[in-house]
Amino acid sequence: MKTTTPYDPETAGTRERIVRTTSRLMQRQGYEGTGIKQISREAGATLGSLYHFFPGGKQELGTAAVRLGDEEFTDFLREALDAEPEPEKALVALTKALAQGLRESDWLDGCPVTSTVVGTATTAPDIQQAAAEAFARWRTVVAGKLAAAGFATTDAEELAHTVVATLEGAELAAQTARSAVPLEVAGRHLARLVASYR
């Protein structure tokens, strides 16, 4: 997933480096596949400083990583949707941008929120909560775009659920297949669905 927040590891503070490293690793390896020692090593931070900033350990780090992914994707989503006045065209452009971001990462960087939250349902309620808030925020952004284009509130909110769920599934399918096709097809069909409500 493409992000818009500028980041310079040379000038970033220790806490920011730790969170961004955690987000990248969990995005690529999942929550269970990412260890504290690896995060510490790749962030260039001692275990002592890691626990200083995150006394709750891996679960607290996972929650911070999800919140970072939420913030970055919210910015990306707003920018992508604002780039086109018509929601239908904006959705097609959005899926193309997501596919481009995946391609540029060699199909490694899917959704950091989904990658981190999978498998934590019973073990990390804070991560689950942060992910639920992320999905709700993304739906709000999509619904806002639709409402601004004249869609009824209920239609905008329900379509936003469909858009976010479809994007999540299509991004995972594209990543697995190492192909932009699932996202491009999803974009075209979401555009048709949205157009049918006009």
C-alpha atoms as a PDB file:
ATOM      1  CA  MET A   1       0.000   0.000   0.000  1.00  0.00           C
ATOM      2  CA  LYS A   2       1.366   3.380  -0.985  1.00  0.00           C
ATOM      3  CA  THR A   3       1.744   5.950   1.791  1.00  0.00           C
ATOM      4  CA  THR A   4       2.016   9.713   1.620  1.00  0.00           C
ATOM      5  CA  THR A   5       3.742  10.574   4.901  1.00  0.00           C
ATOM      6  CA  PRO A   6       7.366  11.664   4.272  1.00  0.00           C
ATOM      7  CA  TYR A   7       9.847   9.741   6.383  1.00  0.00           C
ATOM      8  CA  ASP A   8      13.583  10.137   6.775  1.00  0.00           C
ATOM      9  CA  PRO A   9      15.143   7.418   8.953  1.00  0.00           C
ATOM     10  CA  GLU A  10      18.252   9.569   9.441  1.00  0.00           C
ATOM     11  CA  THR A  11      16.347  12.348  11.192  1.00  0.00           C
ATOM     12  CA  ALA A  12      13.480  10.371  12.756  1.00  0.00           C
ATOM     13  CA  GLY A  13      13.393  10.001  16.515  1.00  0.00           C
ATOM     14  CA  THR A  14      13.828   6.594  18.116  1.00  0.00           C
ATOM     15  CA  ARG A  15      10.130   6.119  18.851  1.00  0.00           C
ATOM     16  CA  GLU A  16       9.135   6.942  15.272  1.00  0.00           C
ATOM     17  CA  ARG A  17      11.780   4.568  13.876  1.00  0.00           C
ATOM     18  CA  ILE A  18      10.494   1.781  16.098  1.00  0.00           C
ATOM     19  CA  VAL A  19       6.863   2.297  15.086  1.00  0.00           C
ATOM     20  CA  ARG A  20       7.639   2.570  11.384  1.00  0.00           C
ATOM     21  CA  THR A  21       9.872  -0.494  11.491  1.00  0.00           C
ATOM     22  CA  THR A  22       7.170  -2.437  13.315  1.00  0.00           C
ATOM     23  CA  SER A  23       4.576  -1.355  10.775  1.00  0.00           C
ATOM     24  CA  ARG A  24       6.756  -2.400   7.817  1.00  0.00           C
ATOM     25  CA  LEU A  25       7.677  -5.752   9.339  1.00  0.00           C
ATOM     26  CA  MET A  26       4.128  -6.622  10.390  1.00  0.00           C
ATOM     27  CA  GLN A  27       2.877  -5.477   6.993  1.00  0.00           C
ATOM     28  CA  ARG A  28       5.171  -8.039   5.366  1.00  0.00           C
ATOM     29  CA  GLN A  29       5.359 -10.801   7.987  1.00  0.00           C
ATOM     30  CA  GLY A  30       2.187 -10.438  10.034  1.00  0.00           C
ATOM     31  CA  TYR A  31       1.918 -10.008  13.782  1.00  0.00           C
ATOM     32  CA  GLU A  32       2.923 -13.548  14.721  1.00  0.00           C
ATOM     33  CA  GLY A  33       5.855 -13.584  12.303  1.00  0.00           C
ATOM     34  CA  THR A  34       7.437 -10.429  13.716  1.00  0.00           C
ATOM     35  CA  GLY A  35       9.586 -10.588  16.833  1.00  0.00           C
ATOM     36  CA  ILE A  36      10.676  -7.905  19.283  1.00  0.00           C
ATOM     37  CA  LYS A  37      14.378  -8.599  18.685  1.00  0.00           C
ATOM     38  CA  GLN A  38      13.976  -8.198  14.928  1.00  0.00           C
ATOM     39  CA  ILE A  39      12.120  -4.906  15.413  1.00  0.00           C
ATOM     40  CA  SER A  40      14.844  -3.673  17.765  1.00  0.00           C
ATOM     41  CA  ARG A  41      17.634  -4.693  15.385  1.00  0.00           C
ATOM     42  CA  GLU A  42      16.062  -3.248  12.220  1.00  0.00           C
ATOM     43  CA  ALA A  43      15.011  -0.019  13.948  1.00  0.00           C
ATOM     44  CA  GLY A  44      18.542   0.496  15.257  1.00  0.00           C
ATOM     45  CA  ALA A  45      17.199   0.709  18.811  1.00  0.00           C
ATOM     46  CA  THR A  46      18.145  -1.172  21.944  1.00  0.00           C
ATOM     47  CA  LEU A  47      15.606  -3.451  23.608  1.00  0.00           C
ATOM     48  CA  GLY A  48      15.784  -1.100  26.587  1.00  0.00           C
ATOM     49  CA  SER A  49      14.698   1.897  24.530  1.00  0.00           C
ATOM     50  CA  LEU A  50      12.014  -0.173  22.809  1.00  0.00           C
ATOM     51  CA  TYR A  51      10.484  -1.130  26.154  1.00  0.00           C
ATOM     52  CA  HIS A  52      10.956   2.430  27.412  1.00  0.00           C
ATOM     53  CA  PHE A  53       8.640   3.702  24.684  1.00  0.00           C
ATOM     54  CA  PHE A  54       6.423   0.611  24.597  1.00  0.00           C
ATOM     55  CA  PRO A  55       6.265  -0.988  28.066  1.00  0.00           C
ATOM     56  CA  GLY A  56       3.371  -3.137  26.809  1.00  0.00           C
ATOM     57  CA  GLY A  57       5.762  -4.864  24.434  1.00  0.00           C
ATOM     58  CA  LYS A  58       4.686  -6.410  21.170  1.00  0.00           C
ATOM     59  CA  GLN A  59       0.947  -5.803  21.588  1.00  0.00           C
ATOM     60  CA  GLU A  60       1.477  -2.113  22.250  1.00  0.00           C
ATOM     61  CA  LEU A  61       3.822  -1.943  19.259  1.00  0.00           C
ATOM     62  CA  GLY A  62       1.261  -3.722  17.083  1.00  0.00           C
ATOM     63  CA  THR A  63      -1.398  -1.224  18.115  1.00  0.00           C
ATOM     64  CA  ALA A  64       0.911   1.696  17.313  1.00  0.00           C
ATOM     65  CA  ALA A  65       1.724   0.129  13.927  1.00  0.00           C
ATOM     66  CA  VAL A  66      -1.984  -0.227  13.096  1.00  0.00           C
ATOM     67  CA  ARG A  67      -2.613   3.400  14.063  1.00  0.00           C
ATOM     68  CA  LEU A  68       0.262   4.521  11.822  1.00  0.00           C
ATOM     69  CA  GLY A  69      -1.113   2.447   8.941  1.00  0.00           C
ATOM     70  CA  ASP A  70      -4.557   3.942   9.565  1.00  0.00           C
ATOM     71  CA  GLU A  71      -3.203   7.497   9.511  1.00  0.00           C
ATOM     72  CA  GLU A  72      -1.163   6.979   6.336  1.00  0.00           C
ATOM     73  CA  PHE A  73      -3.894   5.187   4.422  1.00  0.00           C
ATOM     74  CA  THR A  74      -6.493   7.763   5.478  1.00  0.00           C
ATOM     75  CA  ASP A  75      -4.289  10.496   3.973  1.00  0.00           C
ATOM     76  CA  PHE A  76      -3.696   8.433   0.830  1.00  0.00           C
ATOM     77  CA  LEU A  77      -7.392   7.638   0.465  1.00  0.00           C
ATOM     78  CA  ARG A  78      -8.408  11.294   0.803  1.00  0.00           C
ATOM     79  CA  GLU A  79      -5.824  12.431  -1.731  1.00  0.00           C
ATOM     80  CA  ALA A  80      -6.780   9.717  -4.220  1.00  0.00           C
ATOM     81  CA  LEU A  81     -10.508  10.402  -3.942  1.00  0.00           C
ATOM     82  CA  ASP A  82     -10.040  14.174  -4.083  1.00  0.00           C
ATOM     83  CA  ALA A  83      -7.997  13.887  -7.280  1.00  0.00           C
ATOM     84  CA  GLU A  84     -11.136  13.130  -9.308  1.00  0.00           C
ATOM     85  CA  PRO A  85     -14.418  15.042  -8.846  1.00  0.00           C
ATOM     86  CA  GLU A  86     -16.596  12.087  -9.872  1.00  0.00           C
ATOM     87  CA  PRO A  87     -16.599   9.193  -7.368  1.00  0.00           C
ATOM     88  CA  GLU A  88     -16.699   6.580 -10.139  1.00  0.00           C
ATOM     89  CA  LYS A  89     -13.516   7.897 -11.744  1.00  0.00           C
ATOM     90  CA  ALA A  90     -11.929   8.401  -8.335  1.00  0.00           C
ATOM     91  CA  LEU A  91     -12.451   4.727  -7.421  1.00  0.00           C
ATOM     92  CA  VAL A  92     -10.846   3.539 -10.653  1.00  0.00           C
ATOM     93  CA  ALA A  93      -7.889   5.870 -10.074  1.00  0.00           C
ATOM     94  CA  LEU A  94      -7.641   4.717  -6.452  1.00  0.00           C
ATOM     95  CA  THR A  95      -7.377   1.036  -7.363  1.00  0.00           C
ATOM     96  CA  LYS A  96      -4.756   1.838  -9.999  1.00  0.00           C
ATOM     97  CA  ALA A  97      -2.736   3.757  -7.399  1.00  0.00           C
ATOM     98  CA  LEU A  98      -2.986   0.852  -4.943  1.00  0.00           C
ATOM     99  CA  ALA A  99      -1.815  -1.549  -7.657  1.00  0.00           C
ATOM    100  CA  GLN A 100       1.094   0.745  -8.500  1.00  0.00           C
ATOM    101  CA  GLY A 101       2.149   0.882  -4.852  1.00  0.00           C
ATOM    102  CA  LEU A 102       2.063  -2.906  -4.596  1.00  0.00           C
ATOM    103  CA  ARG A 103       4.035  -3.294  -7.815  1.00  0.00           C
ATOM    104  CA  GLU A 104       6.677  -0.810  -6.619  1.00  0.00           C
ATOM    105  CA  SER A 105       7.126  -2.808  -3.397  1.00  0.00           C
ATOM    106  CA  ASP A 106       7.515  -6.041  -5.395  1.00  0.00           C
ATOM    107  CA  TRP A 107       4.065  -7.075  -4.107  1.00  0.00           C
ATOM    108  CA  LEU A 108       5.228  -7.043  -0.476  1.00  0.00           C
ATOM    109  CA  ASP A 109       3.441  -4.039   1.017  1.00  0.00           C
ATOM    110  CA  GLY A 110      -0.251  -4.775   1.273  1.00  0.00           C
ATOM    111  CA  CYS A 111      -2.548  -3.287   3.891  1.00  0.00           C
ATOM    112  CA  PRO A 112      -0.563  -2.885   7.150  1.00  0.00           C
ATOM    113  CA  VAL A 113      -3.750  -2.904   9.212  1.00  0.00           C
ATOM    114  CA  THR A 114      -5.063  -6.197   7.843  1.00  0.00           C
ATOM    115  CA  SER A 115      -1.630  -7.843   7.897  1.00  0.00           C
ATOM    116  CA  THR A 116      -1.155  -6.942  11.559  1.00  0.00           C
ATOM    117  CA  VAL A 117      -4.643  -7.717  12.833  1.00  0.00           C
ATOM    118  CA  VAL A 118      -5.029 -11.183  11.289  1.00  0.00           C
ATOM    119  CA  GLY A 119      -4.621 -13.817  13.985  1.00  0.00           C
ATOM    120  CA  THR A 120      -4.964 -11.450  16.949  1.00  0.00           C
ATOM    121  CA  ALA A 121      -8.709 -11.799  17.600  1.00  0.00           C
ATOM    122  CA  THR A 122      -8.399 -13.458  20.999  1.00  0.00           C
ATOM    123  CA  THR A 123      -4.921 -12.342  22.005  1.00  0.00           C
ATOM    124  CA  ALA A 124      -4.680  -8.612  21.311  1.00  0.00           C
ATOM    125  CA  PRO A 125      -7.945  -6.706  21.804  1.00  0.00           C
ATOM    126  CA  ASP A 126      -6.193  -3.313  21.533  1.00  0.00           C
ATOM    127  CA  ILE A 127      -4.967  -4.190  18.044  1.00  0.00           C
ATOM    128  CA  GLN A 128      -8.453  -5.362  17.098  1.00  0.00           C
ATOM    129  CA  GLN A 129      -9.932  -2.095  18.352  1.00  0.00           C
ATOM    130  CA  ALA A 130      -7.385   0.018  16.487  1.00  0.00           C
ATOM    131  CA  ALA A 131      -8.119  -1.916  13.282  1.00  0.00           C
ATOM    132  CA  ALA A 132     -11.882  -1.515  13.716  1.00  0.00           C
ATOM    133  CA  GLU A 133     -11.375   2.241  14.137  1.00  0.00           C
ATOM    134  CA  ALA A 134      -9.217   2.325  10.993  1.00  0.00           C
ATOM    135  CA  PHE A 135     -11.833   0.602   8.845  1.00  0.00           C
ATOM    136  CA  ALA A 136     -14.527   2.899  10.243  1.00  0.00           C
ATOM    137  CA  ARG A 137     -12.423   5.979   9.419  1.00  0.00           C
ATOM    138  CA  TRP A 138     -11.830   4.783   5.848  1.00  0.00           C
ATOM    139  CA  ARG A 139     -15.555   4.170   5.397  1.00  0.00           C
ATOM    140  CA  THR A 140     -16.201   7.705   6.635  1.00  0.00           C
ATOM    141  CA  VAL A 141     -13.799   9.131   4.037  1.00  0.00           C
ATOM    142  CA  VAL A 142     -15.468   7.168   1.218  1.00  0.00           C
ATOM    143  CA  ALA A 143     -18.969   8.030   2.436  1.00  0.00           C
ATOM    144  CA  GLY A 144     -17.987  11.702   2.611  1.00  0.00           C
ATOM    145  CA  LYS A 145     -16.854  11.624  -1.007  1.00  0.00           C
ATOM    146  CA  LEU A 146     -20.147  10.059  -2.074  1.00  0.00           C
ATOM    147  CA  ALA A 147     -22.265  12.416   0.032  1.00  0.00           C
ATOM    148  CA  ALA A 148     -20.440  15.404  -1.453  1.00  0.00           C
ATOM    149  CA  ALA A 149     -21.373  14.067  -4.891  1.00  0.00           C
ATOM    150  CA  GLY A 150     -25.056  14.080  -3.942  1.00  0.00           C
ATOM    151  CA  PHE A 151     -25.622  10.513  -2.753  1.00  0.00           C
ATOM    152  CA  ALA A 152     -28.184   9.961  -0.003  1.00  0.00           C
ATOM    153  CA  THR A 153     -26.598   9.439   3.421  1.00  0.00           C
ATOM    154  CA  THR A 154     -27.729   5.819   3.801  1.00  0.00           C
ATOM    155  CA  ASP A 155     -26.586   4.920   0.291  1.00  0.00           C
ATOM    156  CA  ALA A 156     -23.231   6.641   0.831  1.00  0.00           C
ATOM    157  CA  GLU A 157     -22.628   4.800   4.107  1.00  0.00           C
ATOM    158  CA  GLU A 158     -23.627   1.395   2.731  1.00  0.00           C
ATOM    159  CA  LEU A 159     -21.611   1.851  -0.435  1.00  0.00           C
ATOM    160  CA  ALA A 160     -18.623   2.876   1.692  1.00  0.00           C
ATOM    161  CA  HIS A 161     -18.800  -0.490   3.494  1.00  0.00           C
ATOM    162  CA  THR A 162     -18.750  -2.266   0.142  1.00  0.00           C
ATOM    163  CA  VAL A 163     -15.910  -0.134  -1.215  1.00  0.00           C
ATOM    164  CA  VAL A 164     -13.602  -0.660   1.776  1.00  0.00           C
ATOM    165  CA  ALA A 165     -14.326  -4.398   2.012  1.00  0.00           C
ATOM    166  CA  THR A 166     -13.780  -4.829  -1.726  1.00  0.00           C
ATOM    167  CA  LEU A 167     -10.518  -2.871  -1.674  1.00  0.00           C
ATOM    168  CA  GLU A 168      -9.192  -4.994   1.192  1.00  0.00           C
ATOM    169  CA  GLY A 169     -10.017  -8.244  -0.607  1.00  0.00           C
ATOM    170  CA  ALA A 170      -8.779  -7.060  -3.990  1.00  0.00           C
ATOM    171  CA  GLU A 171      -5.507  -5.814  -2.541  1.00  0.00           C
ATOM    172  CA  LEU A 172      -4.861  -9.167  -0.880  1.00  0.00           C
ATOM    173  CA  ALA A 173      -5.756 -11.013  -4.096  1.00  0.00           C
ATOM    174  CA  ALA A 174      -3.447  -8.749  -6.117  1.00  0.00           C
ATOM    175  CA  GLN A 175      -0.621  -9.261  -3.651  1.00  0.00           C
ATOM    176  CA  THR A 176      -1.059 -13.034  -3.688  1.00  0.00           C
ATOM    177  CA  ALA A 177      -1.257 -13.221  -7.484  1.00  0.00           C
ATOM    178  CA  ARG A 178       1.454 -10.590  -7.948  1.00  0.00           C
ATOM    179  CA  SER A 179      -0.886  -8.976 -10.433  1.00  0.00           C
ATOM    180  CA  ALA A 180      -2.745  -5.675 -10.691  1.00  0.00           C
ATOM    181  CA  VAL A 181      -5.751  -7.391 -12.278  1.00  0.00           C
ATOM    182  CA  PRO A 182      -7.798  -7.991  -9.086  1.00  0.00           C
ATOM    183  CA  LEU A 183      -7.545  -4.318  -8.106  1.00  0.00           C
ATOM    184  CA  GLU A 184      -8.220  -3.028 -11.607  1.00  0.00           C
ATOM    185  CA  VAL A 185     -11.296  -5.255 -11.983  1.00  0.00           C
ATOM    186  CA  ALA A 186     -12.502  -4.232  -8.524  1.00  0.00           C
ATOM    187  CA  GLY A 187     -12.132  -0.558  -9.441  1.00  0.00           C
ATOM    188  CA  ARG A 188     -14.199  -0.921 -12.593  1.00  0.00           C
ATOM    189  CA  HIS A 189     -16.958  -2.859 -10.855  1.00  0.00           C
ATOM    190  CA  LEU A 190     -17.085  -0.502  -7.877  1.00  0.00           C
ATOM    191  CA  ALA A 191     -17.431   2.379 -10.331  1.00  0.00           C
ATOM    192  CA  ARG A 192     -20.364   0.637 -12.009  1.00  0.00           C
ATOM    193  CA  LEU A 193     -21.984  -0.110  -8.666  1.00  0.00           C
ATOM    194  CA  VAL A 194     -21.653   3.487  -7.514  1.00  0.00           C
ATOM    195  CA  ALA A 195     -22.979   4.767 -10.868  1.00  0.00           C
ATOM    196  CA  SER A 196     -26.054   2.549 -10.520  1.00  0.00           C
ATOM    197  CA  TYR A 197     -27.113   4.541  -7.437  1.00  0.00           C
ATOM    198  CA  ARG A 198     -27.277   7.840  -9.300  1.00  0.00           C
END
